[in-house]
Amino acid sequence: MLHWLWVFIIGLIIGIIAKWIMPGKDPGGFIITAIIGIVGSFIGGWLASLFGFSAGATASGAGIGGFWGFVWALIGAIILLFIYHLVRNRKQGA
């Protein structure tokens, strides 16, 4: 039970930092921000393993975590927000 609370809190922190770094209008409140951080951490963990890093990343607790896990999770969340902005801008332009 406490594991999921920790996942939510770390995901929220990652989501807040990613939203702060990425310019533009972002979706949702604090729950969506946490989901962005959590999903971003999975993306970051996948990217880390794809590039051969053992920092298997993440808010989910998979892998060693730590500083590099946080960095990869943040990279994943920024990529997720970037994709969101591409899709949103495409829909507004059509």
PDB file of N, CA and C in Angstrom:
ATOM      1  N   MET A   1       0.826  -1.195   0.000  1.00  0.00           N
ATOM      2  CA  MET A   1       0.000   0.000   0.000  1.00  0.00           C
ATOM      3  C   MET A   1       0.868   1.256   0.000  1.00  0.00           C
ATOM      4  N   LEU A   2       1.877   1.270   0.864  1.00  0.00           N
ATOM      5  CA  LEU A   2       2.751   2.443   0.912  1.00  0.00           C
ATOM      6  C   LEU A   2       3.572   2.589  -0.361  1.00  0.00           C
ATOM      7  N   HIS A   3       3.831   1.468  -1.032  1.00  0.00           N
ATOM      8  CA  HIS A   3       4.561   1.529  -2.291  1.00  0.00           C
ATOM      9  C   HIS A   3       3.806   2.392  -3.299  1.00  0.00           C
ATOM     10  N   TRP A   4       2.506   2.202  -3.402  1.00  0.00           N
ATOM     11  CA  TRP A   4       1.717   2.965  -4.370  1.00  0.00           C
ATOM     12  C   TRP A   4       1.644   4.443  -4.005  1.00  0.00           C
ATOM     13  N   LEU A   5       1.633   4.734  -2.723  1.00  0.00           N
ATOM     14  CA  LEU A   5       1.687   6.136  -2.290  1.00  0.00           C
ATOM     15  C   LEU A   5       3.011   6.756  -2.699  1.00  0.00           C
ATOM     16  N   TRP A   6       4.095   6.011  -2.523  1.00  0.00           N
ATOM     17  CA  TRP A   6       5.419   6.485  -2.923  1.00  0.00           C
ATOM     18  C   TRP A   6       5.487   6.691  -4.440  1.00  0.00           C
ATOM     19  N   VAL A   7       4.923   5.764  -5.209  1.00  0.00           N
ATOM     20  CA  VAL A   7       4.875   5.892  -6.665  1.00  0.00           C
ATOM     21  C   VAL A   7       4.149   7.176  -7.045  1.00  0.00           C
ATOM     22  N   PHE A   8       3.011   7.448  -6.397  1.00  0.00           N
ATOM     23  CA  PHE A   8       2.227   8.642  -6.695  1.00  0.00           C
ATOM     24  C   PHE A   8       3.011   9.908  -6.352  1.00  0.00           C
ATOM     25  N   ILE A   9       3.650   9.942  -5.199  1.00  0.00           N
ATOM     26  CA  ILE A   9       4.385  11.135  -4.765  1.00  0.00           C
ATOM     27  C   ILE A   9       5.570  11.414  -5.688  1.00  0.00           C
ATOM     28  N   ILE A  10       6.360  10.390  -5.993  1.00  0.00           N
ATOM     29  CA  ILE A  10       7.502  10.571  -6.892  1.00  0.00           C
ATOM     30  C   ILE A  10       7.017  10.954  -8.285  1.00  0.00           C
ATOM     31  N   GLY A  11       5.959  10.308  -8.763  1.00  0.00           N
ATOM     32  CA  GLY A  11       5.379  10.664 -10.064  1.00  0.00           C
ATOM     33  C   GLY A  11       4.910  12.102 -10.090  1.00  0.00           C
ATOM     34  N   LEU A  12       4.307  12.568  -8.997  1.00  0.00           N
ATOM     35  CA  LEU A  12       3.857  13.955  -8.910  1.00  0.00           C
ATOM     36  C   LEU A  12       5.040  14.908  -8.988  1.00  0.00           C
ATOM     37  N   ILE A  13       6.103  14.606  -8.278  1.00  0.00           N
ATOM     38  CA  ILE A  13       7.296  15.466  -8.303  1.00  0.00           C
ATOM     39  C   ILE A  13       7.899  15.496  -9.708  1.00  0.00           C
ATOM     40  N   ILE A  14       8.019  14.343 -10.333  1.00  0.00           N
ATOM     41  CA  ILE A  14       8.560  14.283 -11.689  1.00  0.00           C
ATOM     42  C   ILE A  14       7.658  15.048 -12.653  1.00  0.00           C
ATOM     43  N   GLY A  15       6.345  14.871 -12.532  1.00  0.00           N
ATOM     44  CA  GLY A  15       5.399  15.580 -13.396  1.00  0.00           C
ATOM     45  C   GLY A  15       5.460  17.080 -13.214  1.00  0.00           C
ATOM     46  N   ILE A  16       5.591  17.544 -11.982  1.00  0.00           N
ATOM     47  CA  ILE A  16       5.686  18.990 -11.720  1.00  0.00           C
ATOM     48  C   ILE A  16       6.945  19.565 -12.358  1.00  0.00           C
ATOM     49  N   ILE A  17       8.067  18.887 -12.179  1.00  0.00           N
ATOM     50  CA  ILE A  17       9.318  19.381 -12.760  1.00  0.00           C
ATOM     51  C   ILE A  17       9.250  19.364 -14.285  1.00  0.00           C
ATOM     52  N   ALA A  18       8.689  18.303 -14.865  1.00  0.00           N
ATOM     53  CA  ALA A  18       8.563  18.223 -16.327  1.00  0.00           C
ATOM     54  C   ALA A  18       7.679  19.341 -16.860  1.00  0.00           C
ATOM     55  N   LYS A  19       6.560  19.620 -16.184  1.00  0.00           N
ATOM     56  CA  LYS A  19       5.684  20.716 -16.609  1.00  0.00           C
ATOM     57  C   LYS A  19       6.381  22.058 -16.465  1.00  0.00           C
ATOM     58  N   TRP A  20       7.226  22.194 -15.469  1.00  0.00           N
ATOM     59  CA  TRP A  20       7.964  23.446 -15.256  1.00  0.00           C
ATOM     60  C   TRP A  20       9.000  23.646 -16.367  1.00  0.00           C
ATOM     61  N   ILE A  21       9.627  22.552 -16.813  1.00  0.00           N
ATOM     62  CA  ILE A  21      10.653  22.635 -17.860  1.00  0.00           C
ATOM     63  C   ILE A  21      10.029  22.851 -19.233  1.00  0.00           C
ATOM     64  N   MET A  22       8.942  22.137 -19.534  1.00  0.00           N
ATOM     65  CA  MET A  22       8.303  22.225 -20.856  1.00  0.00           C
ATOM     66  C   MET A  22       7.407  23.453 -20.936  1.00  0.00           C
ATOM     67  N   PRO A  23       7.649  24.327 -21.911  1.00  0.00           N
ATOM     68  CA  PRO A  23       6.773  25.485 -22.066  1.00  0.00           C
ATOM     69  C   PRO A  23       5.435  25.082 -22.685  1.00  0.00           C
ATOM     70  N   GLY A  24       4.417  25.886 -22.454  1.00  0.00           N
ATOM     71  CA  GLY A  24       3.123  25.646 -23.069  1.00  0.00           C
ATOM     72  C   GLY A  24       2.066  25.240 -22.065  1.00  0.00           C
ATOM     73  N   LYS A  25       0.828  25.183 -22.552  1.00  0.00           N
ATOM     74  CA  LYS A  25      -0.302  24.809 -21.711  1.00  0.00           C
ATOM     75  C   LYS A  25      -0.344  23.300 -21.589  1.00  0.00           C
ATOM     76  N   ASP A  26      -0.377  22.835 -20.345  1.00  0.00           N
ATOM     77  CA  ASP A  26      -0.354  21.403 -20.068  1.00  0.00           C
ATOM     78  C   ASP A  26      -1.689  20.955 -19.498  1.00  0.00           C
ATOM     79  N   PRO A  27      -1.974  19.656 -19.619  1.00  0.00           N
ATOM     80  CA  PRO A  27      -3.268  19.145 -19.163  1.00  0.00           C
ATOM     81  C   PRO A  27      -3.342  18.990 -17.652  1.00  0.00           C
ATOM     82  N   GLY A  28      -4.557  19.117 -17.145  1.00  0.00           N
ATOM     83  CA  GLY A  28      -4.945  18.630 -15.848  1.00  0.00           C
ATOM     84  C   GLY A  28      -4.400  19.234 -14.582  1.00  0.00           C
ATOM     85  N   GLY A  29      -4.894  18.669 -13.496  1.00  0.00           N
ATOM     86  CA  GLY A  29      -4.506  19.056 -12.155  1.00  0.00           C
ATOM     87  C   GLY A  29      -3.423  18.146 -11.613  1.00  0.00           C
ATOM     88  N   PHE A  30      -3.410  17.988 -10.290  1.00  0.00           N
ATOM     89  CA  PHE A  30      -2.308  17.260  -9.676  1.00  0.00           C
ATOM     90  C   PHE A  30      -2.360  15.757  -9.960  1.00  0.00           C
ATOM     91  N   ILE A  31      -3.537  15.194 -10.176  1.00  0.00           N
ATOM     92  CA  ILE A  31      -3.616  13.764 -10.487  1.00  0.00           C
ATOM     93  C   ILE A  31      -3.059  13.502 -11.883  1.00  0.00           C
ATOM     94  N   ILE A  32      -3.426  14.321 -12.859  1.00  0.00           N
ATOM     95  CA  ILE A  32      -2.890  14.177 -14.219  1.00  0.00           C
ATOM     96  C   ILE A  32      -1.387  14.420 -14.217  1.00  0.00           C
ATOM     97  N   THR A  33      -0.933  15.382 -13.418  1.00  0.00           N
ATOM     98  CA  THR A  33       0.507  15.652 -13.308  1.00  0.00           C
ATOM     99  C   THR A  33       1.241  14.431 -12.772  1.00  0.00           C
ATOM    100  N   ALA A  34       0.665  13.775 -11.762  1.00  0.00           N
ATOM    101  CA  ALA A  34       1.278  12.561 -11.219  1.00  0.00           C
ATOM    102  C   ALA A  34       1.281  11.446 -12.253  1.00  0.00           C
ATOM    103  N   ILE A  35       0.205  11.310 -13.011  1.00  0.00           N
ATOM    104  CA  ILE A  35       0.138  10.281 -14.051  1.00  0.00           C
ATOM    105  C   ILE A  35       1.192  10.545 -15.122  1.00  0.00           C
ATOM    106  N   ILE A  36       1.379  11.813 -15.492  1.00  0.00           N
ATOM    107  CA  ILE A  36       2.429  12.163 -16.453  1.00  0.00           C
ATOM    108  C   ILE A  36       3.790  11.728 -15.920  1.00  0.00           C
ATOM    109  N   GLY A  37       4.051  11.987 -14.645  1.00  0.00           N
ATOM    110  CA  GLY A  37       5.316  11.584 -14.042  1.00  0.00           C
ATOM    111  C   GLY A  37       5.489  10.078 -13.980  1.00  0.00           C
ATOM    112  N   ILE A  38       4.420   9.355 -13.645  1.00  0.00           N
ATOM    113  CA  ILE A  38       4.495   7.898 -13.540  1.00  0.00           C
ATOM    114  C   ILE A  38       4.704   7.267 -14.918  1.00  0.00           C
ATOM    115  N   VAL A  39       3.901   7.683 -15.899  1.00  0.00           N
ATOM    116  CA  VAL A  39       4.056   7.145 -17.252  1.00  0.00           C
ATOM    117  C   VAL A  39       5.421   7.558 -17.821  1.00  0.00           C
ATOM    118  N   GLY A  40       5.827   8.788 -17.543  1.00  0.00           N
ATOM    119  CA  GLY A  40       7.146   9.242 -17.976  1.00  0.00           C
ATOM    120  C   GLY A  40       8.260   8.414 -17.380  1.00  0.00           C
ATOM    121  N   SER A  41       8.082   7.959 -16.161  1.00  0.00           N
ATOM    122  CA  SER A  41       9.118   7.132 -15.533  1.00  0.00           C
ATOM    123  C   SER A  41       9.231   5.779 -16.223  1.00  0.00           C
ATOM    124  N   PHE A  42       8.109   5.231 -16.680  1.00  0.00           N
ATOM    125  CA  PHE A  42       8.174   3.984 -17.441  1.00  0.00           C
ATOM    126  C   PHE A  42       8.847   4.207 -18.789  1.00  0.00           C
ATOM    127  N   ILE A  43       8.518   5.315 -19.447  1.00  0.00           N
ATOM    128  CA  ILE A  43       9.168   5.651 -20.717  1.00  0.00           C
ATOM    129  C   ILE A  43      10.667   5.836 -20.497  1.00  0.00           C
ATOM    130  N   GLY A  44      11.026   6.567 -19.444  1.00  0.00           N
ATOM    131  CA  GLY A  44      12.433   6.778 -19.134  1.00  0.00           C
ATOM    132  C   GLY A  44      13.160   5.488 -18.813  1.00  0.00           C
ATOM    133  N   GLY A  45      12.524   4.600 -18.079  1.00  0.00           N
ATOM    134  CA  GLY A  45      13.120   3.304 -17.775  1.00  0.00           C
ATOM    135  C   GLY A  45      13.332   2.475 -19.020  1.00  0.00           C
ATOM    136  N   TRP A  46      12.365   2.529 -19.927  1.00  0.00           N
ATOM    137  CA  TRP A  46      12.488   1.808 -21.182  1.00  0.00           C
ATOM    138  C   TRP A  46      13.627   2.390 -22.018  1.00  0.00           C
ATOM    139  N   LEU A  47      13.711   3.727 -22.092  1.00  0.00           N
ATOM    140  CA  LEU A  47      14.794   4.367 -22.841  1.00  0.00           C
ATOM    141  C   LEU A  47      16.157   4.041 -22.237  1.00  0.00           C
ATOM    142  N   ALA A  48      16.243   4.043 -20.908  1.00  0.00           N
ATOM    143  CA  ALA A  48      17.509   3.730 -20.248  1.00  0.00           C
ATOM    144  C   ALA A  48      17.967   2.325 -20.611  1.00  0.00           C
ATOM    145  N   SER A  49      17.052   1.368 -20.593  1.00  0.00           N
ATOM    146  CA  SER A  49      17.432   0.001 -20.941  1.00  0.00           C
ATOM    147  C   SER A  49      17.738  -0.122 -22.428  1.00  0.00           C
ATOM    148  N   LEU A  50      17.041   0.648 -23.267  1.00  0.00           N
ATOM    149  CA  LEU A  50      17.280   0.636 -24.704  1.00  0.00           C
ATOM    150  C   LEU A  50      18.694   1.116 -25.025  1.00  0.00           C
ATOM    151  N   PHE A  51      19.167   2.120 -24.284  1.00  0.00           N
ATOM    152  CA  PHE A  51      20.505   2.662 -24.498  1.00  0.00           C
ATOM    153  C   PHE A  51      21.570   1.949 -23.671  1.00  0.00           C
ATOM    154  N   GLY A  52      21.192   0.888 -22.980  1.00  0.00           N
ATOM    155  CA  GLY A  52      22.149   0.072 -22.267  1.00  0.00           C
ATOM    156  C   GLY A  52      22.517   0.555 -20.875  1.00  0.00           C
ATOM    157  N   PHE A  53      21.729   1.446 -20.306  1.00  0.00           N
ATOM    158  CA  PHE A  53      21.986   1.917 -18.949  1.00  0.00           C
ATOM    159  C   PHE A  53      21.235   1.025 -17.965  1.00  0.00           C
ATOM    160  N   SER A  54      21.799   0.871 -16.794  1.00  0.00           N
ATOM    161  CA  SER A  54      21.154   0.021 -15.799  1.00  0.00           C
ATOM    162  C   SER A  54      20.282   0.824 -14.842  1.00  0.00           C
ATOM    163  N   ALA A  55      20.108   2.103 -15.117  1.00  0.00           N
ATOM    164  CA  ALA A  55      19.305   2.954 -14.243  1.00  0.00           C
ATOM    165  C   ALA A  55      17.840   2.727 -14.541  1.00  0.00           C
ATOM    166  N   GLY A  56      17.374   1.540 -14.411  1.00  0.00           N
ATOM    167  CA  GLY A  56      16.064   1.166 -14.848  1.00  0.00           C
ATOM    168  C   GLY A  56      14.983   1.855 -14.102  1.00  0.00           C
ATOM    169  N   ALA A  57      14.985   2.805 -13.853  1.00  0.00           N
ATOM    170  CA  ALA A  57      14.564   4.168 -13.703  1.00  0.00           C
ATOM    171  C   ALA A  57      13.697   4.564 -12.593  1.00  0.00           C
ATOM    172  N   THR A  58      12.927   4.217 -11.735  1.00  0.00           N
ATOM    173  CA  THR A  58      11.688   4.920 -11.951  1.00  0.00           C
ATOM    174  C   THR A  58      10.842   5.140 -10.726  1.00  0.00           C
ATOM    175  N   ALA A  59       9.824   5.894 -10.917  1.00  0.00           N
ATOM    176  CA  ALA A  59       8.850   6.102  -9.855  1.00  0.00           C
ATOM    177  C   ALA A  59       8.165   4.794  -9.500  1.00  0.00           C
ATOM    178  N   SER A  60       8.155   3.870 -10.421  1.00  0.00           N
ATOM    179  CA  SER A  60       7.509   2.582 -10.153  1.00  0.00           C
ATOM    180  C   SER A  60       8.350   1.713  -9.238  1.00  0.00           C
ATOM    181  N   GLY A  61       9.595   2.112  -8.988  1.00  0.00           N
ATOM    182  CA  GLY A  61      10.463   1.355  -8.114  1.00  0.00           C
ATOM    183  C   GLY A  61      11.249   0.288  -8.845  1.00  0.00           C
ATOM    184  N   ALA A  62      11.074   0.198 -10.170  1.00  0.00           N
ATOM    185  CA  ALA A  62      11.802  -0.805 -10.940  1.00  0.00           C
ATOM    186  C   ALA A  62      13.255  -0.384 -11.076  1.00  0.00           C
ATOM    187  N   GLY A  63      14.151  -1.310 -10.929  1.00  0.00           N
ATOM    188  CA  GLY A  63      15.563  -1.003 -11.117  1.00  0.00           C
ATOM    189  C   GLY A  63      16.173  -0.340  -9.904  1.00  0.00           C
ATOM    190  N   ILE A  64      17.318   0.271 -10.097  1.00  0.00           N
ATOM    191  CA  ILE A  64      18.058   0.817  -8.968  1.00  0.00           C
ATOM    192  C   ILE A  64      17.590   2.199  -8.557  1.00  0.00           C
ATOM    193  N   GLY A  65      16.910   2.896  -9.448  1.00  0.00           N
ATOM    194  CA  GLY A  65      16.395   4.215  -9.099  1.00  0.00           C
ATOM    195  C   GLY A  65      17.509   5.191  -8.820  1.00  0.00           C
ATOM    196  N   GLY A  66      17.406   5.925  -7.718  1.00  0.00           N
ATOM    197  CA  GLY A  66      18.414   6.902  -7.373  1.00  0.00           C
ATOM    198  C   GLY A  66      18.408   8.093  -8.307  1.00  0.00           C
ATOM    199  N   PHE A  67      19.528   8.784  -8.365  1.00  0.00           N
ATOM    200  CA  PHE A  67      19.634  10.004  -9.160  1.00  0.00           C
ATOM    201  C   PHE A  67      19.372   9.745 -10.629  1.00  0.00           C
ATOM    202  N   TRP A  68      20.046   8.739 -11.205  1.00  0.00           N
ATOM    203  CA  TRP A  68      19.882   8.480 -12.634  1.00  0.00           C
ATOM    204  C   TRP A  68      18.493   7.977 -12.965  1.00  0.00           C
ATOM    205  N   GLY A  69      17.892   7.240 -12.071  1.00  0.00           N
ATOM    206  CA  GLY A  69      16.512   6.830 -12.276  1.00  0.00           C
ATOM    207  C   GLY A  69      15.584   8.028 -12.344  1.00  0.00           C
ATOM    208  N   PHE A  70      15.833   8.998 -11.462  1.00  0.00           N
ATOM    209  CA  PHE A  70      15.035  10.224 -11.468  1.00  0.00           C
ATOM    210  C   PHE A  70      15.249  10.994 -12.763  1.00  0.00           C
ATOM    211  N   VAL A  71      16.502  11.084 -13.209  1.00  0.00           N
ATOM    212  CA  VAL A  71      16.810  11.804 -14.450  1.00  0.00           C
ATOM    213  C   VAL A  71      16.117  11.144 -15.638  1.00  0.00           C
ATOM    214  N   TRP A  72      16.209   9.810 -15.735  1.00  0.00           N
ATOM    215  CA  TRP A  72      15.556   9.111 -16.848  1.00  0.00           C
ATOM    216  C   TRP A  72      14.037   9.252 -16.783  1.00  0.00           C
ATOM    217  N   ALA A  73      13.476   9.220 -15.598  1.00  0.00           N
ATOM    218  CA  ALA A  73      12.028   9.411 -15.449  1.00  0.00           C
ATOM    219  C   ALA A  73      11.623  10.810 -15.899  1.00  0.00           C
ATOM    220  N   LEU A  74      12.439  11.801 -15.566  1.00  0.00           N
ATOM    221  CA  LEU A  74      12.161  13.177 -15.983  1.00  0.00           C
ATOM    222  C   LEU A  74      12.247  13.305 -17.502  1.00  0.00           C
ATOM    223  N   ILE A  75      13.243  12.686 -18.099  1.00  0.00           N
ATOM    224  CA  ILE A  75      13.369  12.692 -19.566  1.00  0.00           C
ATOM    225  C   ILE A  75      12.129  12.055 -20.200  1.00  0.00           C
ATOM    226  N   GLY A  76      11.681  10.952 -19.647  1.00  0.00           N
ATOM    227  CA  GLY A  76      10.478  10.296 -20.163  1.00  0.00           C
ATOM    228  C   GLY A  76       9.242  11.170 -20.045  1.00  0.00           C
ATOM    229  N   ALA A  77       9.095  11.873 -18.921  1.00  0.00           N
ATOM    230  CA  ALA A  77       7.938  12.754 -18.732  1.00  0.00           C
ATOM    231  C   ALA A  77       7.990  13.940 -19.693  1.00  0.00           C
ATOM    232  N   ILE A  78       9.174  14.475 -19.946  1.00  0.00           N
ATOM    233  CA  ILE A  78       9.314  15.582 -20.899  1.00  0.00           C
ATOM    234  C   ILE A  78       8.966  15.107 -22.304  1.00  0.00           C
ATOM    235  N   ILE A  79       9.406  13.911 -22.677  1.00  0.00           N
ATOM    236  CA  ILE A  79       9.047  13.353 -23.984  1.00  0.00           C
ATOM    237  C   ILE A  79       7.538  13.181 -24.089  1.00  0.00           C
ATOM    238  N   LEU A  80       6.908  12.689 -23.024  1.00  0.00           N
ATOM    239  CA  LEU A  80       5.457  12.518 -23.018  1.00  0.00           C
ATOM    240  C   LEU A  80       4.739  13.859 -23.206  1.00  0.00           C
ATOM    241  N   LEU A  81       5.182  14.896 -22.523  1.00  0.00           N
ATOM    242  CA  LEU A  81       4.585  16.223 -22.689  1.00  0.00           C
ATOM    243  C   LEU A  81       4.830  16.766 -24.098  1.00  0.00           C
ATOM    244  N   PHE A  82       6.006  16.510 -24.658  1.00  0.00           N
ATOM    245  CA  PHE A  82       6.317  16.948 -26.011  1.00  0.00           C
ATOM    246  C   PHE A  82       5.343  16.315 -27.005  1.00  0.00           C
ATOM    247  N   ILE A  83       5.109  15.016 -26.855  1.00  0.00           N
ATOM    248  CA  ILE A  83       4.160  14.319 -27.730  1.00  0.00           C
ATOM    249  C   ILE A  83       2.756  14.887 -27.544  1.00  0.00           C
ATOM    250  N   TYR A  84       2.376  15.168 -26.304  1.00  0.00           N
ATOM    251  CA  TYR A  84       1.062  15.767 -26.041  1.00  0.00           C
ATOM    252  C   TYR A  84       0.926  17.106 -26.770  1.00  0.00           C
ATOM    253  N   HIS A  85       1.973  17.946 -26.711  1.00  0.00           N
ATOM    254  CA  HIS A  85       1.931  19.248 -27.385  1.00  0.00           C
ATOM    255  C   HIS A  85       1.838  19.086 -28.901  1.00  0.00           C
ATOM    256  N   LEU A  86       2.540  18.111 -29.468  1.00  0.00           N
ATOM    257  CA  LEU A  86       2.444  17.865 -30.915  1.00  0.00           C
ATOM    258  C   LEU A  86       1.026  17.485 -31.317  1.00  0.00           C
ATOM    259  N   VAL A  87       0.423  16.579 -30.559  1.00  0.00           N
ATOM    260  CA  VAL A  87      -0.939  16.125 -30.875  1.00  0.00           C
ATOM    261  C   VAL A  87      -1.932  17.268 -30.693  1.00  0.00           C
ATOM    262  N   ARG A  88      -1.803  18.021 -29.600  1.00  0.00           N
ATOM    263  CA  ARG A  88      -2.726  19.127 -29.343  1.00  0.00           C
ATOM    264  C   ARG A  88      -2.616  20.207 -30.420  1.00  0.00           C
ATOM    265  N   ASN A  89      -1.407  20.549 -30.832  1.00  0.00           N
ATOM    266  CA  ASN A  89      -1.228  21.571 -31.849  1.00  0.00           C
ATOM    267  C   ASN A  89      -1.755  21.107 -33.209  1.00  0.00           C
ATOM    268  N   ARG A  90      -1.619  19.822 -33.493  1.00  0.00           N
ATOM    269  CA  ARG A  90      -2.132  19.289 -34.747  1.00  0.00           C
ATOM    270  C   ARG A  90      -3.651  19.368 -34.772  1.00  0.00           C
ATOM    271  N   LYS A  91      -4.303  19.071 -33.639  1.00  0.00           N
ATOM    272  CA  LYS A  91      -5.767  19.129 -33.580  1.00  0.00           C
ATOM    273  C   LYS A  91      -6.262  20.572 -33.672  1.00  0.00           C
ATOM    274  N   GLN A  92      -5.540  21.517 -33.094  1.00  0.00           N
ATOM    275  CA  GLN A  92      -5.955  22.919 -33.154  1.00  0.00           C
ATOM    276  C   GLN A  92      -5.766  23.493 -34.530  1.00  0.00           C
ATOM    277  N   GLY A  93      -4.772  23.011 -35.273  1.00  0.00           N
ATOM    278  CA  GLY A  93      -4.489  23.516 -36.601  1.00  0.00           C
ATOM    279  C   GLY A  93      -5.438  22.975 -37.657  1.00  0.00           C
ATOM    280  N   ALA A  94      -6.086  21.858 -37.385  1.00  0.00           N
ATOM    281  CA  ALA A  94      -6.955  21.223 -38.383  1.00  0.00           C
ATOM    282  C   ALA A  94      -8.331  21.820 -38.418  1.00  0.00           C
TER     283      ALA A  94
END
